[in-house]
Amino acid sequence: MNGLPDPALTWEVSVWQVAALQSLPESERPWLLDCREEDERAYCQIAGSDWIPLGDFSEKRLILSQSHSRGVVVYCHHGMRSLRAAMMLREWGIVHVFSMAGGIEQWAIEIDRVMPRYG
């Protein structure tokens, strides 16, 4: 599925895999979802990502549970909240959902070296 791994084998994708997915035409990319808090997103974000804080997932369940035929990649600061988010989404029936390992911190280190880093 558009470069995403088999969800039976892993919960995570690397920042390099996400960067490759971001180079696909927009109509072919998985949904890139930032689950950090508003102040974190205001500091830095990955272009083209959408934002729903992890704490709002329950109230946004209908939106999150809709069919995402191209898959979903969730990211946070270091990859722990996004892993919880991926688990929650899989419990809600979205099979092709993954956490970006290392989060936006790893993205800033390996992909976008001019991106501001925080705490």
PDB file of N, CA and C in Angstrom:
ATOM      1  N   MET A   1       0.849  -1.190   0.000  1.00  0.00           N
ATOM      2  CA  MET A   1       0.000   0.000   0.000  1.00  0.00           C
ATOM      3  C   MET A   1       0.884   1.239   0.000  1.00  0.00           C
ATOM      4  N   ASN A   2       1.076   1.820  -1.171  1.00  0.00           N
ATOM      5  CA  ASN A   2       1.798   3.093  -1.329  1.00  0.00           C
ATOM      6  C   ASN A   2       3.092   3.176  -0.536  1.00  0.00           C
ATOM      7  N   GLY A   3       3.827   2.102  -0.447  1.00  0.00           N
ATOM      8  CA  GLY A   3       5.113   2.134   0.239  1.00  0.00           C
ATOM      9  C   GLY A   3       5.049   1.904   1.730  1.00  0.00           C
ATOM     10  N   LEU A   4       3.857   1.703   2.289  1.00  0.00           N
ATOM     11  CA  LEU A   4       3.746   1.397   3.714  1.00  0.00           C
ATOM     12  C   LEU A   4       4.021  -0.082   3.938  1.00  0.00           C
ATOM     13  N   PRO A   5       4.603  -0.428   5.087  1.00  0.00           N
ATOM     14  CA  PRO A   5       4.899  -1.840   5.351  1.00  0.00           C
ATOM     15  C   PRO A   5       3.643  -2.634   5.701  1.00  0.00           C
ATOM     16  N   ASP A   6       3.814  -3.903   5.875  1.00  0.00           N
ATOM     17  CA  ASP A   6       2.728  -4.784   6.295  1.00  0.00           C
ATOM     18  C   ASP A   6       2.421  -4.481   7.766  1.00  0.00           C
ATOM     19  N   PRO A   7       1.195  -4.070   8.098  1.00  0.00           N
ATOM     20  CA  PRO A   7       0.881  -3.728   9.482  1.00  0.00           C
ATOM     21  C   PRO A   7       0.960  -4.914  10.435  1.00  0.00           C
ATOM     22  N   ALA A   8       0.958  -6.125   9.917  1.00  0.00           N
ATOM     23  CA  ALA A   8       1.114  -7.297  10.778  1.00  0.00           C
ATOM     24  C   ALA A   8       2.546  -7.432  11.277  1.00  0.00           C
ATOM     25  N   LEU A   9       3.471  -6.734  10.619  1.00  0.00           N
ATOM     26  CA  LEU A   9       4.891  -6.873  10.962  1.00  0.00           C
ATOM     27  C   LEU A   9       5.452  -5.731  11.798  1.00  0.00           C
ATOM     28  N   THR A  10       4.815  -4.567  11.768  1.00  0.00           N
ATOM     29  CA  THR A  10       5.384  -3.424  12.489  1.00  0.00           C
ATOM     30  C   THR A  10       4.323  -2.379  12.813  1.00  0.00           C
ATOM     31  N   TRP A  11       4.629  -1.580  13.799  1.00  0.00           N
ATOM     32  CA  TRP A  11       3.791  -0.432  14.178  1.00  0.00           C
ATOM     33  C   TRP A  11       4.412   0.870  13.701  1.00  0.00           C
ATOM     34  N   GLU A  12       5.671   0.826  13.261  1.00  0.00           N
ATOM     35  CA  GLU A  12       6.401   2.056  12.975  1.00  0.00           C
ATOM     36  C   GLU A  12       6.967   2.095  11.566  1.00  0.00           C
ATOM     37  N   VAL A  13       7.163   3.328  11.092  1.00  0.00           N
ATOM     38  CA  VAL A  13       7.898   3.586   9.864  1.00  0.00           C
ATOM     39  C   VAL A  13       8.989   4.602  10.205  1.00  0.00           C
ATOM     40  N   SER A  14      10.071   4.571   9.459  1.00  0.00           N
ATOM     41  CA  SER A  14      11.184   5.481   9.718  1.00  0.00           C
ATOM     42  C   SER A  14      10.924   6.854   9.101  1.00  0.00           C
ATOM     43  N   VAL A  15      11.676   7.831   9.545  1.00  0.00           N
ATOM     44  CA  VAL A  15      11.556   9.170   8.951  1.00  0.00           C
ATOM     45  C   VAL A  15      11.929   9.132   7.481  1.00  0.00           C
ATOM     46  N   TRP A  16      12.850   8.252   7.104  1.00  0.00           N
ATOM     47  CA  TRP A  16      13.242   8.131   5.702  1.00  0.00           C
ATOM     48  C   TRP A  16      12.092   7.573   4.862  1.00  0.00           C
ATOM     49  N   GLN A  17      11.352   6.624   5.427  1.00  0.00           N
ATOM     50  CA  GLN A  17      10.189   6.091   4.717  1.00  0.00           C
ATOM     51  C   GLN A  17       9.131   7.183   4.546  1.00  0.00           C
ATOM     52  N   VAL A  18       8.913   7.974   5.595  1.00  0.00           N
ATOM     53  CA  VAL A  18       7.930   9.054   5.512  1.00  0.00           C
ATOM     54  C   VAL A  18       8.364  10.099   4.490  1.00  0.00           C
ATOM     55  N   ALA A  19       9.650  10.436   4.472  1.00  0.00           N
ATOM     56  CA  ALA A  19      10.154  11.402   3.486  1.00  0.00           C
ATOM     57  C   ALA A  19       9.910  10.887   2.070  1.00  0.00           C
ATOM     58  N   ALA A  20      10.134   9.603   1.841  1.00  0.00           N
ATOM     59  CA  ALA A  20       9.884   9.022   0.518  1.00  0.00           C
ATOM     60  C   ALA A  20       8.396   9.079   0.178  1.00  0.00           C
ATOM     61  N   LEU A  21       7.547   8.805   1.154  1.00  0.00           N
ATOM     62  CA  LEU A  21       6.107   8.872   0.935  1.00  0.00           C
ATOM     63  C   LEU A  21       5.666  10.296   0.630  1.00  0.00           C
ATOM     64  N   GLN A  22       6.300  11.274   1.269  1.00  0.00           N
ATOM     65  CA  GLN A  22       5.957  12.682   1.046  1.00  0.00           C
ATOM     66  C   GLN A  22       6.339  13.138  -0.364  1.00  0.00           C
ATOM     67  N   SER A  23       7.237  12.407  -1.008  1.00  0.00           N
ATOM     68  CA  SER A  23       7.626  12.781  -2.368  1.00  0.00           C
ATOM     69  C   SER A  23       6.638  12.261  -3.417  1.00  0.00           C
ATOM     70  N   LEU A  24       5.710  11.409  -3.002  1.00  0.00           N
ATOM     71  CA  LEU A  24       4.676  10.918  -3.918  1.00  0.00           C
ATOM     72  C   LEU A  24       3.715  12.053  -4.259  1.00  0.00           C
ATOM     73  N   PRO A  25       3.002  11.944  -5.373  1.00  0.00           N
ATOM     74  CA  PRO A  25       1.947  12.931  -5.644  1.00  0.00           C
ATOM     75  C   PRO A  25       0.968  12.953  -4.466  1.00  0.00           C
ATOM     76  N   GLU A  26       0.435  14.115  -4.174  1.00  0.00           N
ATOM     77  CA  GLU A  26      -0.444  14.278  -3.007  1.00  0.00           C
ATOM     78  C   GLU A  26      -1.585  13.263  -2.994  1.00  0.00           C
ATOM     79  N   SER A  27      -2.112  12.945  -4.150  1.00  0.00           N
ATOM     80  CA  SER A  27      -3.242  12.012  -4.238  1.00  0.00           C
ATOM     81  C   SER A  27      -2.851  10.574  -3.885  1.00  0.00           C
ATOM     82  N   GLU A  28      -1.560  10.293  -3.768  1.00  0.00           N
ATOM     83  CA  GLU A  28      -1.097   8.939  -3.458  1.00  0.00           C
ATOM     84  C   GLU A  28      -0.499   8.814  -2.064  1.00  0.00           C
ATOM     85  N   ARG A  29      -0.295   9.923  -1.386  1.00  0.00           N
ATOM     86  CA  ARG A  29       0.344   9.899  -0.059  1.00  0.00           C
ATOM     87  C   ARG A  29      -0.608   9.393   1.020  1.00  0.00           C
ATOM     88  N   PRO A  30      -0.046   8.704   2.027  1.00  0.00           N
ATOM     89  CA  PRO A  30      -0.860   8.397   3.205  1.00  0.00           C
ATOM     90  C   PRO A  30      -1.169   9.705   3.955  1.00  0.00           C
ATOM     91  N   TRP A  31      -2.171   9.650   4.799  1.00  0.00           N
ATOM     92  CA  TRP A  31      -2.528  10.795   5.627  1.00  0.00           C
ATOM     93  C   TRP A  31      -1.459  10.972   6.685  1.00  0.00           C
ATOM     94  N   LEU A  32      -0.813  12.128   6.734  1.00  0.00           N
ATOM     95  CA  LEU A  32       0.209  12.431   7.724  1.00  0.00           C
ATOM     96  C   LEU A  32      -0.445  13.258   8.827  1.00  0.00           C
ATOM     97  N   LEU A  33      -0.476  12.710  10.029  1.00  0.00           N
ATOM     98  CA  LEU A  33      -1.224  13.292  11.141  1.00  0.00           C
ATOM     99  C   LEU A  33      -0.316  13.601  12.323  1.00  0.00           C
ATOM    100  N   ASP A  34      -0.298  14.847  12.728  1.00  0.00           N
ATOM    101  CA  ASP A  34       0.463  15.328  13.882  1.00  0.00           C
ATOM    102  C   ASP A  34      -0.439  15.222  15.105  1.00  0.00           C
ATOM    103  N   CYS A  35      -0.007  14.487  16.135  1.00  0.00           N
ATOM    104  CA  CYS A  35      -0.829  14.325  17.338  1.00  0.00           C
ATOM    105  C   CYS A  35      -0.263  15.094  18.534  1.00  0.00           C
ATOM    106  N   ARG A  36       0.622  16.057  18.277  1.00  0.00           N
ATOM    107  CA  ARG A  36       1.205  16.857  19.370  1.00  0.00           C
ATOM    108  C   ARG A  36       0.232  17.934  19.837  1.00  0.00           C
ATOM    109  N   GLU A  37       0.647  18.661  20.860  1.00  0.00           N
ATOM    110  CA  GLU A  37      -0.158  19.764  21.378  1.00  0.00           C
ATOM    111  C   GLU A  37       0.022  21.006  20.508  1.00  0.00           C
ATOM    112  N   GLU A  38      -0.886  21.953  20.649  1.00  0.00           N
ATOM    113  CA  GLU A  38      -0.902  23.150  19.810  1.00  0.00           C
ATOM    114  C   GLU A  38       0.399  23.943  19.883  1.00  0.00           C
ATOM    115  N   ASP A  39       0.956  24.117  21.087  1.00  0.00           N
ATOM    116  CA  ASP A  39       2.196  24.888  21.215  1.00  0.00           C
ATOM    117  C   ASP A  39       3.367  24.199  20.531  1.00  0.00           C
ATOM    118  N   GLU A  40       3.379  22.874  20.527  1.00  0.00           N
ATOM    119  CA  GLU A  40       4.430  22.134  19.832  1.00  0.00           C
ATOM    120  C   GLU A  40       4.304  22.318  18.322  1.00  0.00           C
ATOM    121  N   ARG A  41       3.083  22.227  17.831  1.00  0.00           N
ATOM    122  CA  ARG A  41       2.853  22.386  16.391  1.00  0.00           C
ATOM    123  C   ARG A  41       3.197  23.798  15.939  1.00  0.00           C
ATOM    124  N   ALA A  42       2.911  24.791  16.784  1.00  0.00           N
ATOM    125  CA  ALA A  42       3.229  26.178  16.439  1.00  0.00           C
ATOM    126  C   ALA A  42       4.739  26.369  16.299  1.00  0.00           C
ATOM    127  N   TYR A  43       5.506  25.565  17.024  1.00  0.00           N
ATOM    128  CA  TYR A  43       6.967  25.681  17.001  1.00  0.00           C
ATOM    129  C   TYR A  43       7.553  25.123  15.706  1.00  0.00           C
ATOM    130  N   CYS A  44       7.070  23.955  15.289  1.00  0.00           N
ATOM    131  CA  CYS A  44       7.536  23.339  14.040  1.00  0.00           C
ATOM    132  C   CYS A  44       6.550  22.259  13.625  1.00  0.00           C
ATOM    133  N   GLN A  45       6.529  21.978  12.333  1.00  0.00           N
ATOM    134  CA  GLN A  45       5.645  20.947  11.804  1.00  0.00           C
ATOM    135  C   GLN A  45       6.157  20.465  10.454  1.00  0.00           C
ATOM    136  N   ILE A  46       5.685  19.317  10.058  1.00  0.00           N
ATOM    137  CA  ILE A  46       6.032  18.780   8.754  1.00  0.00           C
ATOM    138  C   ILE A  46       4.999  19.296   7.759  1.00  0.00           C
ATOM    139  N   ALA A  47       5.478  19.899   6.692  1.00  0.00           N
ATOM    140  CA  ALA A  47       4.587  20.473   5.672  1.00  0.00           C
ATOM    141  C   ALA A  47       3.630  19.417   5.145  1.00  0.00           C
ATOM    142  N   GLY A  48       2.381  19.804   5.016  1.00  0.00           N
ATOM    143  CA  GLY A  48       1.366  18.912   4.472  1.00  0.00           C
ATOM    144  C   GLY A  48       0.687  18.026   5.496  1.00  0.00           C
ATOM    145  N   SER A  49       1.102  18.115   6.757  1.00  0.00           N
ATOM    146  CA  SER A  49       0.474  17.283   7.783  1.00  0.00           C
ATOM    147  C   SER A  49      -0.790  17.951   8.313  1.00  0.00           C
ATOM    148  N   ASP A  50      -1.703  17.121   8.785  1.00  0.00           N
ATOM    149  CA  ASP A  50      -2.889  17.603   9.486  1.00  0.00           C
ATOM    150  C   ASP A  50      -2.633  17.471  10.983  1.00  0.00           C
ATOM    151  N   TRP A  51      -3.495  18.093  11.787  1.00  0.00           N
ATOM    152  CA  TRP A  51      -3.251  18.133  13.225  1.00  0.00           C
ATOM    153  C   TRP A  51      -4.503  17.804  14.015  1.00  0.00           C
ATOM    154  N   ILE A  52      -4.403  16.795  14.852  1.00  0.00           N
ATOM    155  CA  ILE A  52      -5.403  16.485  15.868  1.00  0.00           C
ATOM    156  C   ILE A  52      -4.620  16.017  17.093  1.00  0.00           C
ATOM    157  N   PRO A  53      -4.642  16.787  18.186  1.00  0.00           N
ATOM    158  CA  PRO A  53      -3.906  16.373  19.380  1.00  0.00           C
ATOM    159  C   PRO A  53      -4.419  15.026  19.908  1.00  0.00           C
ATOM    160  N   LEU A  54      -3.520  14.229  20.435  1.00  0.00           N
ATOM    161  CA  LEU A  54      -3.893  12.911  20.955  1.00  0.00           C
ATOM    162  C   LEU A  54      -5.034  13.023  21.958  1.00  0.00           C
ATOM    163  N   GLY A  55      -5.022  14.053  22.797  1.00  0.00           N
ATOM    164  CA  GLY A  55      -6.073  14.232  23.789  1.00  0.00           C
ATOM    165  C   GLY A  55      -7.450  14.465  23.190  1.00  0.00           C
ATOM    166  N   ASP A  56      -7.526  14.823  21.918  1.00  0.00           N
ATOM    167  CA  ASP A  56      -8.802  15.059  21.236  1.00  0.00           C
ATOM    168  C   ASP A  56      -9.258  13.866  20.408  1.00  0.00           C
ATOM    169  N   PHE A  57      -8.490  12.777  20.408  1.00  0.00           N
ATOM    170  CA  PHE A  57      -8.828  11.645  19.552  1.00  0.00           C
ATOM    171  C   PHE A  57     -10.223  11.092  19.839  1.00  0.00           C
ATOM    172  N   SER A  58     -10.584  10.953  21.104  1.00  0.00           N
ATOM    173  CA  SER A  58     -11.893  10.360  21.418  1.00  0.00           C
ATOM    174  C   SER A  58     -13.025  11.190  20.853  1.00  0.00           C
ATOM    175  N   GLU A  59     -12.959  12.521  21.012  1.00  0.00           N
ATOM    176  CA  GLU A  59     -14.040  13.360  20.493  1.00  0.00           C
ATOM    177  C   GLU A  59     -14.000  13.475  18.973  1.00  0.00           C
ATOM    178  N   LYS A  60     -12.861  13.189  18.363  1.00  0.00           N
ATOM    179  CA  LYS A  60     -12.724  13.246  16.900  1.00  0.00           C
ATOM    180  C   LYS A  60     -12.760  11.856  16.276  1.00  0.00           C
ATOM    181  N   ARG A  61     -13.247  10.898  17.037  1.00  0.00           N
ATOM    182  CA  ARG A  61     -13.215   9.503  16.584  1.00  0.00           C
ATOM    183  C   ARG A  61     -13.883   9.306  15.221  1.00  0.00           C
ATOM    184  N   LEU A  62     -14.990   9.977  14.978  1.00  0.00           N
ATOM    185  CA  LEU A  62     -15.678   9.815  13.706  1.00  0.00           C
ATOM    186  C   LEU A  62     -14.785  10.216  12.539  1.00  0.00           C
ATOM    187  N   ILE A  63     -14.128  11.359  12.659  1.00  0.00           N
ATOM    188  CA  ILE A  63     -13.210  11.825  11.610  1.00  0.00           C
ATOM    189  C   ILE A  63     -12.051  10.850  11.463  1.00  0.00           C
ATOM    190  N   LEU A  64     -11.485  10.439  12.595  1.00  0.00           N
ATOM    191  CA  LEU A  64     -10.328   9.553  12.575  1.00  0.00           C
ATOM    192  C   LEU A  64     -10.652   8.156  12.060  1.00  0.00           C
ATOM    193  N   SER A  65     -11.878   7.713  12.274  1.00  0.00           N
ATOM    194  CA  SER A  65     -12.265   6.356  11.886  1.00  0.00           C
ATOM    195  C   SER A  65     -12.704   6.237  10.437  1.00  0.00           C
ATOM    196  N   GLN A  66     -12.839   7.364   9.755  1.00  0.00           N
ATOM    197  CA  GLN A  66     -13.238   7.308   8.354  1.00  0.00           C
ATOM    198  C   GLN A  66     -12.195   6.546   7.551  1.00  0.00           C
ATOM    199  N   SER A  67     -12.613   6.023   6.446  1.00  0.00           N
ATOM    200  CA  SER A  67     -11.721   5.248   5.592  1.00  0.00           C
ATOM    201  C   SER A  67     -10.536   6.097   5.135  1.00  0.00           C
ATOM    202  N   HIS A  68      -9.382   5.594   5.376  1.00  0.00           N
ATOM    203  CA  HIS A  68      -8.148   6.231   4.906  1.00  0.00           C
ATOM    204  C   HIS A  68      -7.442   5.207   4.024  1.00  0.00           C
ATOM    205  N   SER A  69      -7.916   5.126   2.803  1.00  0.00           N
ATOM    206  CA  SER A  69      -7.490   4.062   1.898  1.00  0.00           C
ATOM    207  C   SER A  69      -6.000   4.110   1.561  1.00  0.00           C
ATOM    208  N   ARG A  70      -5.371   5.269   1.721  1.00  0.00           N
ATOM    209  CA  ARG A  70      -3.929   5.368   1.434  1.00  0.00           C
ATOM    210  C   ARG A  70      -3.089   5.142   2.683  1.00  0.00           C
ATOM    211  N   GLY A  71      -3.725   4.854   3.817  1.00  0.00           N
ATOM    212  CA  GLY A  71      -3.017   4.617   5.057  1.00  0.00           C
ATOM    213  C   GLY A  71      -2.825   5.905   5.849  1.00  0.00           C
ATOM    214  N   VAL A  72      -2.281   5.754   7.057  1.00  0.00           N
ATOM    215  CA  VAL A  72      -2.082   6.873   7.971  1.00  0.00           C
ATOM    216  C   VAL A  72      -0.712   6.737   8.628  1.00  0.00           C
ATOM    217  N   VAL A  73       0.003   7.861   8.715  1.00  0.00           N
ATOM    218  CA  VAL A  73       1.243   7.924   9.499  1.00  0.00           C
ATOM    219  C   VAL A  73       1.050   9.030  10.524  1.00  0.00           C
ATOM    220  N   VAL A  74       1.205   8.681  11.795  1.00  0.00           N
ATOM    221  CA  VAL A  74       1.042   9.633  12.890  1.00  0.00           C
ATOM    222  C   VAL A  74       2.417   9.976  13.442  1.00  0.00           C
ATOM    223  N   TYR A  75       2.617  11.270  13.773  1.00  0.00           N
ATOM    224  CA  TYR A  75       3.879  11.654  14.410  1.00  0.00           C
ATOM    225  C   TYR A  75       3.641  12.554  15.614  1.00  0.00           C
ATOM    226  N   CYS A  76       4.635  12.565  16.500  1.00  0.00           N
ATOM    227  CA  CYS A  76       4.627  13.428  17.684  1.00  0.00           C
ATOM    228  C   CYS A  76       6.056  13.939  17.873  1.00  0.00           C
ATOM    229  N   HIS A  77       6.451  14.239  19.090  1.00  0.00           N
ATOM    230  CA  HIS A  77       7.799  14.762  19.325  1.00  0.00           C
ATOM    231  C   HIS A  77       8.860  13.671  19.201  1.00  0.00           C
ATOM    232  N   HIS A  78       8.706  12.586  19.970  1.00  0.00           N
ATOM    233  CA  HIS A  78       9.713  11.518  19.964  1.00  0.00           C
ATOM    234  C   HIS A  78       9.199  10.158  19.494  1.00  0.00           C
ATOM    235  N   GLY A  79       7.898  10.031  19.270  1.00  0.00           N
ATOM    236  CA  GLY A  79       7.358   8.774  18.762  1.00  0.00           C
ATOM    237  C   GLY A  79       6.558   7.958  19.757  1.00  0.00           C
ATOM    238  N   MET A  80       6.451   8.408  21.002  1.00  0.00           N
ATOM    239  CA  MET A  80       5.702   7.638  21.999  1.00  0.00           C
ATOM    240  C   MET A  80       4.193   7.909  21.915  1.00  0.00           C
ATOM    241  N   ARG A  81       3.806   9.174  21.860  1.00  0.00           N
ATOM    242  CA  ARG A  81       2.372   9.499  21.735  1.00  0.00           C
ATOM    243  C   ARG A  81       1.824   8.989  20.411  1.00  0.00           C
ATOM    244  N   SER A  82       2.622   9.109  19.349  1.00  0.00           N
ATOM    245  CA  SER A  82       2.139   8.649  18.051  1.00  0.00           C
ATOM    246  C   SER A  82       1.978   7.131  18.020  1.00  0.00           C
ATOM    247  N   LEU A  83       2.788   6.424  18.781  1.00  0.00           N
ATOM    248  CA  LEU A  83       2.625   4.973  18.875  1.00  0.00           C
ATOM    249  C   LEU A  83       1.311   4.656  19.587  1.00  0.00           C
ATOM    250  N   ARG A  84       1.002   5.391  20.668  1.00  0.00           N
ATOM    251  CA  ARG A  84      -0.292   5.215  21.344  1.00  0.00           C
ATOM    252  C   ARG A  84      -1.439   5.553  20.394  1.00  0.00           C
ATOM    253  N   ALA A  85      -1.264   6.620  19.621  1.00  0.00           N
ATOM    254  CA  ALA A  85      -2.290   7.025  18.655  1.00  0.00           C
ATOM    255  C   ALA A  85      -2.512   5.933  17.614  1.00  0.00           C
ATOM    256  N   ALA A  86      -1.433   5.364  17.107  1.00  0.00           N
ATOM    257  CA  ALA A  86      -1.546   4.296  16.111  1.00  0.00           C
ATOM    258  C   ALA A  86      -2.274   3.091  16.688  1.00  0.00           C
ATOM    259  N   MET A  87      -1.972   2.757  17.935  1.00  0.00           N
ATOM    260  CA  MET A  87      -2.656   1.636  18.581  1.00  0.00           C
ATOM    261  C   MET A  87      -4.153   1.915  18.703  1.00  0.00           C
ATOM    262  N   MET A  88      -4.488   3.142  19.095  1.00  0.00           N
ATOM    263  CA  MET A  88      -5.884   3.529  19.238  1.00  0.00           C
ATOM    264  C   MET A  88      -6.606   3.436  17.890  1.00  0.00           C
ATOM    265  N   LEU A  89      -5.986   3.959  16.849  1.00  0.00           N
ATOM    266  CA  LEU A  89      -6.616   3.940  15.532  1.00  0.00           C
ATOM    267  C   LEU A  89      -6.792   2.519  15.010  1.00  0.00           C
ATOM    268  N   ARG A  90      -5.818   1.662  15.258  1.00  0.00           N
ATOM    269  CA  ARG A  90      -5.982   0.264  14.834  1.00  0.00           C
ATOM    270  C   ARG A  90      -7.120  -0.393  15.593  1.00  0.00           C
ATOM    271  N   GLU A  91      -7.248  -0.063  16.887  1.00  0.00           N
ATOM    272  CA  GLU A  91      -8.375  -0.596  17.661  1.00  0.00           C
ATOM    273  C   GLU A  91      -9.702  -0.150  17.066  1.00  0.00           C
ATOM    274  N   TRP A  92      -9.736   1.017  16.450  1.00  0.00           N
ATOM    275  CA  TRP A  92     -10.949   1.562  15.839  1.00  0.00           C
ATOM    276  C   TRP A  92     -11.153   1.061  14.412  1.00  0.00           C
ATOM    277  N   GLY A  93     -10.279   0.165  13.959  1.00  0.00           N
ATOM    278  CA  GLY A  93     -10.496  -0.471  12.673  1.00  0.00           C
ATOM    279  C   GLY A  93      -9.663   0.045  11.512  1.00  0.00           C
ATOM    280  N   ILE A  94      -8.791   1.016  11.748  1.00  0.00           N
ATOM    281  CA  ILE A  94      -7.907   1.485  10.674  1.00  0.00           C
ATOM    282  C   ILE A  94      -6.670   0.589  10.701  1.00  0.00           C
ATOM    283  N   VAL A  95      -6.522  -0.227   9.704  1.00  0.00           N
ATOM    284  CA  VAL A  95      -5.467  -1.241   9.701  1.00  0.00           C
ATOM    285  C   VAL A  95      -4.110  -0.663   9.320  1.00  0.00           C
ATOM    286  N   HIS A  96      -4.067   0.137   8.267  1.00  0.00           N
ATOM    287  CA  HIS A  96      -2.795   0.648   7.756  1.00  0.00           C
ATOM    288  C   HIS A  96      -2.442   1.980   8.409  1.00  0.00           C
ATOM    289  N   VAL A  97      -2.147   1.922   9.699  1.00  0.00           N
ATOM    290  CA  VAL A  97      -1.736   3.112  10.452  1.00  0.00           C
ATOM    291  C   VAL A  97      -0.432   2.798  11.164  1.00  0.00           C
ATOM    292  N   PHE A  98       0.477   3.779  11.127  1.00  0.00           N
ATOM    293  CA  PHE A  98       1.818   3.593  11.675  1.00  0.00           C
ATOM    294  C   PHE A  98       2.259   4.845  12.408  1.00  0.00           C
ATOM    295  N   SER A  99       3.159   4.658  13.344  1.00  0.00           N
ATOM    296  CA  SER A  99       3.805   5.759  14.051  1.00  0.00           C
ATOM    297  C   SER A  99       5.139   6.042  13.368  1.00  0.00           C
ATOM    298  N   MET A 100       5.486   7.322  13.242  1.00  0.00           N
ATOM    299  CA  MET A 100       6.796   7.682  12.699  1.00  0.00           C
ATOM    300  C   MET A 100       7.823   7.563  13.820  1.00  0.00           C
ATOM    301  N   ALA A 101       8.707   6.592  13.713  1.00  0.00           N
ATOM    302  CA  ALA A 101       9.711   6.321  14.745  1.00  0.00           C
ATOM    303  C   ALA A 101      10.613   7.537  14.968  1.00  0.00           C
ATOM    304  N   GLY A 102      10.785   7.903  16.218  1.00  0.00           N
ATOM    305  CA  GLY A 102      11.658   9.020  16.558  1.00  0.00           C
ATOM    306  C   GLY A 102      10.984  10.372  16.482  1.00  0.00           C
ATOM    307  N   GLY A 103       9.783  10.425  15.909  1.00  0.00           N
ATOM    308  CA  GLY A 103       9.009  11.652  15.861  1.00  0.00           C
ATOM    309  C   GLY A 103       9.656  12.777  15.077  1.00  0.00           C
ATOM    310  N   ILE A 104       9.136  13.968  15.315  1.00  0.00           N
ATOM    311  CA  ILE A 104       9.617  15.143  14.584  1.00  0.00           C
ATOM    312  C   ILE A 104      11.053  15.484  14.989  1.00  0.00           C
ATOM    313  N   GLU A 105      11.467  15.040  16.169  1.00  0.00           N
ATOM    314  CA  GLU A 105      12.861  15.238  16.588  1.00  0.00           C
ATOM    315  C   GLU A 105      13.798  14.500  15.629  1.00  0.00           C
ATOM    316  N   GLN A 106      13.483  13.254  15.327  1.00  0.00           N
ATOM    317  CA  GLN A 106      14.301  12.468  14.396  1.00  0.00           C
ATOM    318  C   GLN A 106      14.210  13.044  12.987  1.00  0.00           C
ATOM    319  N   TRP A 107      13.031  13.533  12.619  1.00  0.00           N
ATOM    320  CA  TRP A 107      12.844  14.186  11.322  1.00  0.00           C
ATOM    321  C   TRP A 107      13.795  15.375  11.197  1.00  0.00           C
ATOM    322  N   ALA A 108      13.875  16.191  12.253  1.00  0.00           N
ATOM    323  CA  ALA A 108      14.745  17.366  12.234  1.00  0.00           C
ATOM    324  C   ALA A 108      16.230  16.977  12.174  1.00  0.00           C
ATOM    325  N   ILE A 109      16.586  15.886  12.789  1.00  0.00           N
ATOM    326  CA  ILE A 109      17.978  15.423  12.790  1.00  0.00           C
ATOM    327  C   ILE A 109      18.375  14.842  11.436  1.00  0.00           C
ATOM    328  N   GLU A 110      17.492  14.046  10.841  1.00  0.00           N
ATOM    329  CA  GLU A 110      17.870  13.292   9.643  1.00  0.00           C
ATOM    330  C   GLU A 110      17.337  13.844   8.319  1.00  0.00           C
ATOM    331  N   ILE A 111      16.190  14.510   8.343  1.00  0.00           N
ATOM    332  CA  ILE A 111      15.552  14.926   7.088  1.00  0.00           C
ATOM    333  C   ILE A 111      15.616  16.434   6.882  1.00  0.00           C
ATOM    334  N   ASP A 112      15.130  17.194   7.834  1.00  0.00           N
ATOM    335  CA  ASP A 112      15.031  18.654   7.705  1.00  0.00           C
ATOM    336  C   ASP A 112      15.930  19.304   8.761  1.00  0.00           C
ATOM    337  N   ARG A 113      17.196  19.403   8.457  1.00  0.00           N
ATOM    338  CA  ARG A 113      18.187  19.850   9.443  1.00  0.00           C
ATOM    339  C   ARG A 113      18.094  21.317   9.815  1.00  0.00           C
ATOM    340  N   VAL A 114      17.279  22.093   9.104  1.00  0.00           N
ATOM    341  CA  VAL A 114      17.074  23.492   9.478  1.00  0.00           C
ATOM    342  C   VAL A 114      15.820  23.666  10.324  1.00  0.00           C
ATOM    343  N   MET A 115      15.050  22.599  10.501  1.00  0.00           N
ATOM    344  CA  MET A 115      13.846  22.676  11.329  1.00  0.00           C
ATOM    345  C   MET A 115      14.231  22.951  12.776  1.00  0.00           C
ATOM    346  N   PRO A 116      13.538  23.877  13.447  1.00  0.00           N
ATOM    347  CA  PRO A 116      13.814  24.130  14.863  1.00  0.00           C
ATOM    348  C   PRO A 116      13.522  22.883  15.697  1.00  0.00           C
ATOM    349  N   ARG A 117      14.375  22.643  16.685  1.00  0.00           N
ATOM    350  CA  ARG A 117      14.172  21.511  17.611  1.00  0.00           C
ATOM    351  C   ARG A 117      13.854  22.076  18.979  1.00  0.00           C
ATOM    352  N   TYR A 118      13.085  21.338  19.740  1.00  0.00           N
ATOM    353  CA  TYR A 118      12.694  21.801  21.070  1.00  0.00           C
ATOM    354  C   TYR A 118      12.788  20.678  22.085  1.00  0.00           C
ATOM    355  N   GLY A 119      12.848  21.059  23.371  1.00  0.00           N
ATOM    356  CA  GLY A 119      12.887  20.190  24.549  1.00  0.00           C
ATOM    357  C   GLY A 119      13.053  18.787  24.307  1.00  0.00           C
TER     358      GLY A 119
END
